[in-house]
Amino acid sequence: MENSVIQIVLALVAVLGGAGAWQFYSKKLELKYQSKSDDKSDQNLFRDQILQELDRVKQELADANQKVIELTGELGTLRERVKNLESENDRLLRNK
């Protein structure tokens, strides 16, 4: 009789301990999965921010290139005007 009571108690402890261990490991795996999911979410957020910054920099570069092209054209025009004015100035000085 004493032997069977010990066996019943041990069986109950094993069942309850097994269920508790199962819950513990299940929760541990769930938290590990959640942590990995959070890390991946953070990485995606960081990647998206970098891509947005890259797009902004590309747009600024395109704008700067356009401005350089405009200024190069204006510089050519101004050089030509200076050349013409210098020629006119030399002509006027010779005719004095």
PDB file of N, CA and C in Angstrom:
ATOM      1  N   MET A   1       0.819  -1.185   0.000  1.00  0.00           N
ATOM      2  CA  MET A   1       0.000   0.000   0.000  1.00  0.00           C
ATOM      3  C   MET A   1       0.873   1.264   0.000  1.00  0.00           C
ATOM      4  N   GLU A   2       1.859   1.265   0.869  1.00  0.00           N
ATOM      5  CA  GLU A   2       2.764   2.414   0.952  1.00  0.00           C
ATOM      6  C   GLU A   2       3.501   2.612  -0.368  1.00  0.00           C
ATOM      7  N   ASN A   3       3.853   1.523  -0.994  1.00  0.00           N
ATOM      8  CA  ASN A   3       4.559   1.560  -2.274  1.00  0.00           C
ATOM      9  C   ASN A   3       3.690   2.170  -3.370  1.00  0.00           C
ATOM     10  N   SER A   4       2.416   1.831  -3.390  1.00  0.00           N
ATOM     11  CA  SER A   4       1.534   2.361  -4.419  1.00  0.00           C
ATOM     12  C   SER A   4       1.256   3.850  -4.189  1.00  0.00           C
ATOM     13  N   VAL A   5       1.198   4.303  -2.933  1.00  0.00           N
ATOM     14  CA  VAL A   5       0.998   5.717  -2.634  1.00  0.00           C
ATOM     15  C   VAL A   5       2.210   6.512  -3.126  1.00  0.00           C
ATOM     16  N   ILE A   6       3.396   5.984  -2.890  1.00  0.00           N
ATOM     17  CA  ILE A   6       4.622   6.635  -3.354  1.00  0.00           C
ATOM     18  C   ILE A   6       4.624   6.701  -4.873  1.00  0.00           C
ATOM     19  N   GLN A   7       4.185   5.635  -5.521  1.00  0.00           N
ATOM     20  CA  GLN A   7       4.143   5.618  -6.985  1.00  0.00           C
ATOM     21  C   GLN A   7       3.136   6.639  -7.518  1.00  0.00           C
ATOM     22  N   ILE A   8       1.996   6.761  -6.848  1.00  0.00           N
ATOM     23  CA  ILE A   8       0.979   7.731  -7.267  1.00  0.00           C
ATOM     24  C   ILE A   8       1.510   9.153  -7.090  1.00  0.00           C
ATOM     25  N   VAL A   9       2.151   9.408  -5.950  1.00  0.00           N
ATOM     26  CA  VAL A   9       2.711  10.742  -5.694  1.00  0.00           C
ATOM     27  C   VAL A   9       3.791  11.066  -6.721  1.00  0.00           C
ATOM     28  N   LEU A  10       4.660  10.112  -6.984  1.00  0.00           N
ATOM     29  CA  LEU A  10       5.704  10.329  -7.990  1.00  0.00           C
ATOM     30  C   LEU A  10       5.107  10.553  -9.377  1.00  0.00           C
ATOM     31  N   ALA A  11       4.070   9.834  -9.711  1.00  0.00           N
ATOM     32  CA  ALA A  11       3.416  10.003 -11.000  1.00  0.00           C
ATOM     33  C   ALA A  11       2.798  11.403 -11.102  1.00  0.00           C
ATOM     34  N   LEU A  12       2.142  11.844 -10.007  1.00  0.00           N
ATOM     35  CA  LEU A  12       1.563  13.191  -9.993  1.00  0.00           C
ATOM     36  C   LEU A  12       2.645  14.266 -10.125  1.00  0.00           C
ATOM     37  N   VAL A  13       3.752  14.079  -9.411  1.00  0.00           N
ATOM     38  CA  VAL A  13       4.849  15.042  -9.492  1.00  0.00           C
ATOM     39  C   VAL A  13       5.419  15.057 -10.908  1.00  0.00           C
ATOM     40  N   ALA A  14       5.555  13.905 -11.522  1.00  0.00           N
ATOM     41  CA  ALA A  14       6.091  13.828 -12.879  1.00  0.00           C
ATOM     42  C   ALA A  14       5.143  14.493 -13.869  1.00  0.00           C
ATOM     43  N   VAL A  15       3.844  14.245 -13.733  1.00  0.00           N
ATOM     44  CA  VAL A  15       2.865  14.828 -14.643  1.00  0.00           C
ATOM     45  C   VAL A  15       2.827  16.349 -14.474  1.00  0.00           C
ATOM     46  N   LEU A  16       2.729  16.792 -13.225  1.00  0.00           N
ATOM     47  CA  LEU A  16       2.677  18.234 -12.977  1.00  0.00           C
ATOM     48  C   LEU A  16       3.994  18.905 -13.360  1.00  0.00           C
ATOM     49  N   GLY A  17       5.105  18.245 -13.055  1.00  0.00           N
ATOM     50  CA  GLY A  17       6.417  18.778 -13.426  1.00  0.00           C
ATOM     51  C   GLY A  17       6.580  18.800 -14.930  1.00  0.00           C
ATOM     52  N   GLY A  18       6.110  17.791 -15.601  1.00  0.00           N
ATOM     53  CA  GLY A  18       6.181  17.739 -17.061  1.00  0.00           C
ATOM     54  C   GLY A  18       5.360  18.835 -17.694  1.00  0.00           C
ATOM     55  N   ALA A  19       4.158  19.067 -17.164  1.00  0.00           N
ATOM     56  CA  ALA A  19       3.296  20.124 -17.686  1.00  0.00           C
ATOM     57  C   ALA A  19       3.936  21.489 -17.423  1.00  0.00           C
ATOM     58  N   GLY A  20       4.495  21.662 -16.233  1.00  0.00           N
ATOM     59  CA  GLY A  20       5.169  22.924 -15.901  1.00  0.00           C
ATOM     60  C   GLY A  20       6.385  23.141 -16.775  1.00  0.00           C
ATOM     61  N   ALA A  21       7.149  22.074 -17.004  1.00  0.00           N
ATOM     62  CA  ALA A  21       8.329  22.176 -17.862  1.00  0.00           C
ATOM     63  C   ALA A  21       7.907  22.503 -19.290  1.00  0.00           C
ATOM     64  N   TRP A  22       6.822  21.869 -19.735  1.00  0.00           N
ATOM     65  CA  TRP A  22       6.331  22.138 -21.089  1.00  0.00           C
ATOM     66  C   TRP A  22       5.933  23.608 -21.228  1.00  0.00           C
ATOM     67  N   GLN A  23       5.218  24.132 -20.241  1.00  0.00           N
ATOM     68  CA  GLN A  23       4.828  25.545 -20.272  1.00  0.00           C
ATOM     69  C   GLN A  23       6.058  26.445 -20.246  1.00  0.00           C
ATOM     70  N   PHE A  24       7.036  26.103 -19.426  1.00  0.00           N
ATOM     71  CA  PHE A  24       8.257  26.893 -19.325  1.00  0.00           C
ATOM     72  C   PHE A  24       8.981  26.945 -20.663  1.00  0.00           C
ATOM     73  N   TYR A  25       9.191  25.775 -21.255  1.00  0.00           N
ATOM     74  CA  TYR A  25       9.906  25.733 -22.531  1.00  0.00           C
ATOM     75  C   TYR A  25       9.099  26.368 -23.663  1.00  0.00           C
ATOM     76  N   SER A  26       7.788  26.197 -23.629  1.00  0.00           N
ATOM     77  CA  SER A  26       6.942  26.839 -24.636  1.00  0.00           C
ATOM     78  C   SER A  26       7.060  28.357 -24.540  1.00  0.00           C
ATOM     79  N   LYS A  27       6.988  28.887 -23.341  1.00  0.00           N
ATOM     80  CA  LYS A  27       7.102  30.332 -23.134  1.00  0.00           C
ATOM     81  C   LYS A  27       8.495  30.818 -23.531  1.00  0.00           C
ATOM     82  N   LYS A  28       9.513  30.023 -23.181  1.00  0.00           N
ATOM     83  CA  LYS A  28      10.884  30.400 -23.530  1.00  0.00           C
ATOM     84  C   LYS A  28      11.047  30.478 -25.047  1.00  0.00           C
ATOM     85  N   LEU A  29      10.526  29.498 -25.787  1.00  0.00           N
ATOM     86  CA  LEU A  29      10.604  29.512 -27.245  1.00  0.00           C
ATOM     87  C   LEU A  29       9.798  30.665 -27.838  1.00  0.00           C
ATOM     88  N   GLU A  30       8.640  30.933 -27.239  1.00  0.00           N
ATOM     89  CA  GLU A  30       7.808  32.038 -27.722  1.00  0.00           C
ATOM     90  C   GLU A  30       8.539  33.378 -27.547  1.00  0.00           C
ATOM     91  N   LEU A  31       9.167  33.568 -26.392  1.00  0.00           N
ATOM     92  CA  LEU A  31       9.913  34.809 -26.147  1.00  0.00           C
ATOM     93  C   LEU A  31      11.120  34.925 -27.075  1.00  0.00           C
ATOM     94  N   LYS A  32      11.784  33.798 -27.341  1.00  0.00           N
ATOM     95  CA  LYS A  32      12.929  33.811 -28.254  1.00  0.00           C
ATOM     96  C   LYS A  32      12.475  34.190 -29.658  1.00  0.00           C
ATOM     97  N   TYR A  33      11.354  33.632 -30.105  1.00  0.00           N
ATOM     98  CA  TYR A  33      10.807  33.959 -31.420  1.00  0.00           C
ATOM     99  C   TYR A  33      10.421  35.435 -31.484  1.00  0.00           C
ATOM    100  N   GLN A  34       9.778  35.922 -30.421  1.00  0.00           N
ATOM    101  CA  GLN A  34       9.376  37.333 -30.370  1.00  0.00           C
ATOM    102  C   GLN A  34      10.598  38.237 -30.424  1.00  0.00           C
ATOM    103  N   SER A  35      11.660  37.849 -29.716  1.00  0.00           N
ATOM    104  CA  SER A  35      12.889  38.647 -29.712  1.00  0.00           C
ATOM    105  C   SER A  35      13.492  38.710 -31.108  1.00  0.00           C
ATOM    106  N   LYS A  36      13.540  37.573 -31.795  1.00  0.00           N
ATOM    107  CA  LYS A  36      14.061  37.556 -33.160  1.00  0.00           C
ATOM    108  C   LYS A  36      13.182  38.398 -34.078  1.00  0.00           C
ATOM    109  N   SER A  37      11.879  38.316 -33.881  1.00  0.00           N
ATOM    110  CA  SER A  37      10.947  39.091 -34.695  1.00  0.00           C
ATOM    111  C   SER A  37      11.156  40.591 -34.457  1.00  0.00           C
ATOM    112  N   ASP A  38      11.354  40.973 -33.196  1.00  0.00           N
ATOM    113  CA  ASP A  38      11.611  42.382 -32.869  1.00  0.00           C
ATOM    114  C   ASP A  38      12.922  42.849 -33.489  1.00  0.00           C
ATOM    115  N   ASP A  39      13.962  42.005 -33.417  1.00  0.00           N
ATOM    116  CA  ASP A  39      15.254  42.354 -34.017  1.00  0.00           C
ATOM    117  C   ASP A  39      15.106  42.557 -35.524  1.00  0.00           C
ATOM    118  N   LYS A  40      14.371  41.667 -36.165  1.00  0.00           N
ATOM    119  CA  LYS A  40      14.160  41.771 -37.609  1.00  0.00           C
ATOM    120  C   LYS A  40      13.377  43.036 -37.938  1.00  0.00           C
ATOM    121  N   SER A  41      12.411  43.366 -37.102  1.00  0.00           N
ATOM    122  CA  SER A  41      11.631  44.588 -37.304  1.00  0.00           C
ATOM    123  C   SER A  41      12.527  45.821 -37.181  1.00  0.00           C
ATOM    124  N   ASP A  42      13.413  45.814 -36.178  1.00  0.00           N
ATOM    125  CA  ASP A  42      14.350  46.927 -36.006  1.00  0.00           C
ATOM    126  C   ASP A  42      15.286  47.041 -37.206  1.00  0.00           C
ATOM    127  N   GLN A  43      15.751  45.895 -37.703  1.00  0.00           N
ATOM    128  CA  GLN A  43      16.636  45.903 -38.869  1.00  0.00           C
ATOM    129  C   GLN A  43      15.912  46.452 -40.093  1.00  0.00           C
ATOM    130  N   ASN A  44      14.650  46.065 -40.254  1.00  0.00           N
ATOM    131  CA  ASN A  44      13.869  46.556 -41.391  1.00  0.00           C
ATOM    132  C   ASN A  44      13.637  48.061 -41.276  1.00  0.00           C
ATOM    133  N   LEU A  45      13.366  48.534 -40.064  1.00  0.00           N
ATOM    134  CA  LEU A  45      13.168  49.961 -39.853  1.00  0.00           C
ATOM    135  C   LEU A  45      14.449  50.724 -40.191  1.00  0.00           C
ATOM    136  N   PHE A  46      15.579  50.218 -39.710  1.00  0.00           N
ATOM    137  CA  PHE A  46      16.872  50.848 -39.989  1.00  0.00           C
ATOM    138  C   PHE A  46      17.144  50.860 -41.490  1.00  0.00           C
ATOM    139  N   ARG A  47      16.867  49.735 -42.166  1.00  0.00           N
ATOM    140  CA  ARG A  47      17.064  49.643 -43.612  1.00  0.00           C
ATOM    141  C   ARG A  47      16.185  50.653 -44.348  1.00  0.00           C
ATOM    142  N   ASP A  48      14.930  50.767 -43.925  1.00  0.00           N
ATOM    143  CA  ASP A  48      14.015  51.713 -44.565  1.00  0.00           C
ATOM    144  C   ASP A  48      14.484  53.151 -44.379  1.00  0.00           C
ATOM    145  N   GLN A  49      15.001  53.458 -43.182  1.00  0.00           N
ATOM    146  CA  GLN A  49      15.514  54.810 -42.942  1.00  0.00           C
ATOM    147  C   GLN A  49      16.721  55.099 -43.826  1.00  0.00           C
ATOM    148  N   ILE A  50      17.588  54.116 -43.980  1.00  0.00           N
ATOM    149  CA  ILE A  50      18.764  54.292 -44.841  1.00  0.00           C
ATOM    150  C   ILE A  50      18.330  54.495 -46.289  1.00  0.00           C
ATOM    151  N   LEU A  51      17.357  53.732 -46.747  1.00  0.00           N
ATOM    152  CA  LEU A  51      16.869  53.877 -48.121  1.00  0.00           C
ATOM    153  C   LEU A  51      16.234  55.249 -48.342  1.00  0.00           C
ATOM    154  N   GLN A  52      15.495  55.746 -47.361  1.00  0.00           N
ATOM    155  CA  GLN A  52      14.907  57.083 -47.481  1.00  0.00           C
ATOM    156  C   GLN A  52      16.002  58.143 -47.557  1.00  0.00           C
ATOM    157  N   GLU A  53      17.016  58.000 -46.706  1.00  0.00           N
ATOM    158  CA  GLU A  53      18.127  58.959 -46.718  1.00  0.00           C
ATOM    159  C   GLU A  53      18.871  58.896 -48.051  1.00  0.00           C
ATOM    160  N   LEU A  54      19.055  57.694 -48.577  1.00  0.00           N
ATOM    161  CA  LEU A  54      19.716  57.526 -49.864  1.00  0.00           C
ATOM    162  C   LEU A  54      18.923  58.210 -50.982  1.00  0.00           C
ATOM    163  N   ASP A  55      17.606  58.056 -50.968  1.00  0.00           N
ATOM    164  CA  ASP A  55      16.762  58.716 -51.968  1.00  0.00           C
ATOM    165  C   ASP A  55      16.888  60.237 -51.872  1.00  0.00           C
ATOM    166  N   ARG A  56      16.918  60.749 -50.633  1.00  0.00           N
ATOM    167  CA  ARG A  56      17.050  62.191 -50.435  1.00  0.00           C
ATOM    168  C   ARG A  56      18.390  62.690 -50.978  1.00  0.00           C
ATOM    169  N   VAL A  57      19.462  61.948 -50.687  1.00  0.00           N
ATOM    170  CA  VAL A  57      20.792  62.341 -51.157  1.00  0.00           C
ATOM    171  C   VAL A  57      20.869  62.273 -52.681  1.00  0.00           C
ATOM    172  N   LYS A  58      20.261  61.254 -53.272  1.00  0.00           N
ATOM    173  CA  LYS A  58      20.242  61.150 -54.739  1.00  0.00           C
ATOM    174  C   LYS A  58      19.529  62.351 -55.352  1.00  0.00           C
ATOM    175  N   GLN A  59      18.413  62.759 -54.747  1.00  0.00           N
ATOM    176  CA  GLN A  59      17.670  63.905 -55.262  1.00  0.00           C
ATOM    177  C   GLN A  59      18.499  65.175 -55.139  1.00  0.00           C
ATOM    178  N   GLU A  60      19.182  65.350 -54.009  1.00  0.00           N
ATOM    179  CA  GLU A  60      20.032  66.527 -53.830  1.00  0.00           C
ATOM    180  C   GLU A  60      21.176  66.531 -54.840  1.00  0.00           C
ATOM    181  N   LEU A  61      21.728  65.374 -55.128  1.00  0.00           N
ATOM    182  CA  LEU A  61      22.801  65.268 -56.113  1.00  0.00           C
ATOM    183  C   LEU A  61      22.296  65.640 -57.506  1.00  0.00           C
ATOM    184  N   ALA A  62      21.124  65.156 -57.853  1.00  0.00           N
ATOM    185  CA  ALA A  62      20.547  65.495 -59.157  1.00  0.00           C
ATOM    186  C   ALA A  62      20.299  66.997 -59.254  1.00  0.00           C
ATOM    187  N   ASP A  63      19.784  67.599 -58.174  1.00  0.00           N
ATOM    188  CA  ASP A  63      19.551  69.049 -58.167  1.00  0.00           C
ATOM    189  C   ASP A  63      20.873  69.809 -58.305  1.00  0.00           C
ATOM    190  N   ALA A  64      21.901  69.348 -57.579  1.00  0.00           N
ATOM    191  CA  ALA A  64      23.205  70.009 -57.645  1.00  0.00           C
ATOM    192  C   ALA A  64      23.810  69.885 -59.048  1.00  0.00           C
ATOM    193  N   ASN A  65      23.664  68.721 -59.659  1.00  0.00           N
ATOM    194  CA  ASN A  65      24.169  68.538 -61.022  1.00  0.00           C
ATOM    195  C   ASN A  65      23.474  69.485 -61.993  1.00  0.00           C
ATOM    196  N   GLN A  66      22.174  69.637 -61.834  1.00  0.00           N
ATOM    197  CA  GLN A  66      21.417  70.555 -62.698  1.00  0.00           C
ATOM    198  C   GLN A  66      21.903  71.984 -62.503  1.00  0.00           C
ATOM    199  N   LYS A  67      22.147  72.358 -61.256  1.00  0.00           N
ATOM    200  CA  LYS A  67      22.636  73.717 -60.970  1.00  0.00           C
ATOM    201  C   LYS A  67      24.027  73.932 -61.577  1.00  0.00           C
ATOM    202  N   VAL A  68      24.897  72.914 -61.510  1.00  0.00           N
ATOM    203  CA  VAL A  68      26.234  73.015 -62.109  1.00  0.00           C
ATOM    204  C   VAL A  68      26.122  73.215 -63.620  1.00  0.00           C
ATOM    205  N   ILE A  69      25.221  72.497 -64.248  1.00  0.00           N
ATOM    206  CA  ILE A  69      25.022  72.643 -65.694  1.00  0.00           C
ATOM    207  C   ILE A  69      24.561  74.062 -66.022  1.00  0.00           C
ATOM    208  N   GLU A  70      23.618  74.588 -65.235  1.00  0.00           N
ATOM    209  CA  GLU A  70      23.137  75.952 -65.457  1.00  0.00           C
ATOM    210  C   GLU A  70      24.269  76.968 -65.270  1.00  0.00           C
ATOM    211  N   LEU A  71      25.040  76.806 -64.201  1.00  0.00           N
ATOM    212  CA  LEU A  71      26.128  77.744 -63.925  1.00  0.00           C
ATOM    213  C   LEU A  71      27.226  77.662 -64.977  1.00  0.00           C
ATOM    214  N   THR A  72      27.485  76.462 -65.496  1.00  0.00           N
ATOM    215  CA  THR A  72      28.481  76.308 -66.558  1.00  0.00           C
ATOM    216  C   THR A  72      28.036  77.069 -67.807  1.00  0.00           C
ATOM    217  N   GLY A  73      26.756  76.993 -68.123  1.00  0.00           N
ATOM    218  CA  GLY A  73      26.225  77.740 -69.266  1.00  0.00           C
ATOM    219  C   GLY A  73      26.354  79.235 -69.058  1.00  0.00           C
ATOM    220  N   GLU A  74      26.006  79.692 -67.850  1.00  0.00           N
ATOM    221  CA  GLU A  74      26.123  81.124 -67.550  1.00  0.00           C
ATOM    222  C   GLU A  74      27.580  81.571 -67.595  1.00  0.00           C
ATOM    223  N   LEU A  75      28.489  80.738 -67.123  1.00  0.00           N
ATOM    224  CA  LEU A  75      29.912  81.070 -67.145  1.00  0.00           C
ATOM    225  C   LEU A  75      30.396  81.249 -68.585  1.00  0.00           C
ATOM    226  N   GLY A  76      29.991  80.380 -69.472  1.00  0.00           N
ATOM    227  CA  GLY A  76      30.358  80.507 -70.888  1.00  0.00           C
ATOM    228  C   GLY A  76      29.856  81.808 -71.477  1.00  0.00           C
ATOM    229  N   THR A  77      28.600  82.137 -71.132  1.00  0.00           N
ATOM    230  CA  THR A  77      28.012  83.388 -71.623  1.00  0.00           C
ATOM    231  C   THR A  77      28.792  84.587 -71.079  1.00  0.00           C
ATOM    232  N   LEU A  78      29.104  84.567 -69.794  1.00  0.00           N
ATOM    233  CA  LEU A  78      29.837  85.685 -69.194  1.00  0.00           C
ATOM    234  C   LEU A  78      31.249  85.813 -69.761  1.00  0.00           C
ATOM    235  N   ARG A  79      31.896  84.693 -70.004  1.00  0.00           N
ATOM    236  CA  ARG A  79      33.232  84.745 -70.614  1.00  0.00           C
ATOM    237  C   ARG A  79      33.165  85.413 -71.993  1.00  0.00           C
ATOM    238  N   GLU A  80      32.155  85.038 -72.741  1.00  0.00           N
ATOM    239  CA  GLU A  80      31.992  85.629 -74.078  1.00  0.00           C
ATOM    240  C   GLU A  80      31.733  87.128 -73.981  1.00  0.00           C
ATOM    241  N   ARG A  81      30.907  87.536 -73.025  1.00  0.00           N
ATOM    242  CA  ARG A  81      30.633  88.969 -72.845  1.00  0.00           C
ATOM    243  C   ARG A  81      31.893  89.728 -72.444  1.00  0.00           C
ATOM    244  N   VAL A  82      32.685  89.136 -71.522  1.00  0.00           N
ATOM    245  CA  VAL A  82      33.934  89.781 -71.101  1.00  0.00           C
ATOM    246  C   VAL A  82      34.875  89.911 -72.292  1.00  0.00           C
ATOM    247  N   LYS A  83      34.968  88.866 -73.088  1.00  0.00           N
ATOM    248  CA  LYS A  83      35.834  88.894 -74.277  1.00  0.00           C
ATOM    249  C   LYS A  83      35.393  90.019 -75.222  1.00  0.00           C
ATOM    250  N   ASN A  84      34.083  90.118 -75.452  1.00  0.00           N
ATOM    251  CA  ASN A  84      33.562  91.164 -76.329  1.00  0.00           C
ATOM    252  C   ASN A  84      33.802  92.555 -75.742  1.00  0.00           C
ATOM    253  N   LEU A  85      33.602  92.692 -74.436  1.00  0.00           N
ATOM    254  CA  LEU A  85      33.826  93.987 -73.799  1.00  0.00           C
ATOM    255  C   LEU A  85      35.301  94.390 -73.839  1.00  0.00           C
ATOM    256  N   GLU A  86      36.184  93.424 -73.636  1.00  0.00           N
ATOM    257  CA  GLU A  86      37.620  93.717 -73.711  1.00  0.00           C
ATOM    258  C   GLU A  86      38.003  94.144 -75.132  1.00  0.00           C
ATOM    259  N   SER A  87      37.446  93.460 -76.100  1.00  0.00           N
ATOM    260  CA  SER A  87      37.714  93.838 -77.498  1.00  0.00           C
ATOM    261  C   SER A  87      37.209  95.242 -77.774  1.00  0.00           C
ATOM    262  N   GLU A  88      36.008  95.528 -77.310  1.00  0.00           N
ATOM    263  CA  GLU A  88      35.427  96.855 -77.510  1.00  0.00           C
ATOM    264  C   GLU A  88      36.251  97.911 -76.776  1.00  0.00           C
ATOM    265  N   ASN A  89      36.704  97.592 -75.566  1.00  0.00           N
ATOM    266  CA  ASN A  89      37.524  98.512 -74.794  1.00  0.00           C
ATOM    267  C   ASN A  89      38.850  98.785 -75.513  1.00  0.00           C
ATOM    268  N   ASP A  90      39.478  97.757 -76.019  1.00  0.00           N
ATOM    269  CA  ASP A  90      40.740  97.932 -76.766  1.00  0.00           C
ATOM    270  C   ASP A  90      40.507  98.786 -78.017  1.00  0.00           C
ATOM    271  N   ARG A  91      39.408  98.539 -78.706  1.00  0.00           N
ATOM    272  CA  ARG A  91      39.097  99.305 -79.913  1.00  0.00           C
ATOM    273  C   ARG A  91      38.891 100.788 -79.574  1.00  0.00           C
ATOM    274  N   LEU A  92      38.172 101.029 -78.487  1.00  0.00           N
ATOM    275  CA  LEU A  92      37.909 102.411 -78.102  1.00  0.00           C
ATOM    276  C   LEU A  92      39.191 103.129 -77.642  1.00  0.00           C
ATOM    277  N   LEU A  93      40.082 102.381 -76.947  1.00  0.00           N
ATOM    278  CA  LEU A  93      41.328 102.984 -76.508  1.00  0.00           C
ATOM    279  C   LEU A  93      42.237 103.322 -77.693  1.00  0.00           C
ATOM    280  N   ARG A  94      42.227 102.518 -78.749  1.00  0.00           N
ATOM    281  CA  ARG A  94      43.052 102.778 -79.927  1.00  0.00           C
ATOM    282  C   ARG A  94      42.538 103.970 -80.720  1.00  0.00           C
ATOM    283  N   ASN A  95      41.254 104.177 -80.692  1.00  0.00           N
ATOM    284  CA  ASN A  95      40.649 105.268 -81.466  1.00  0.00           C
ATOM    285  C   ASN A  95      40.698 106.600 -80.721  1.00  0.00           C
ATOM    286  N   LYS A  96      41.168 106.656 -79.568  1.00  0.00           N
ATOM    287  CA  LYS A  96      41.225 107.886 -78.797  1.00  0.00           C
ATOM    288  C   LYS A  96      42.166 108.861 -79.311  1.00  0.00           C
TER     289      LYS A  96
END
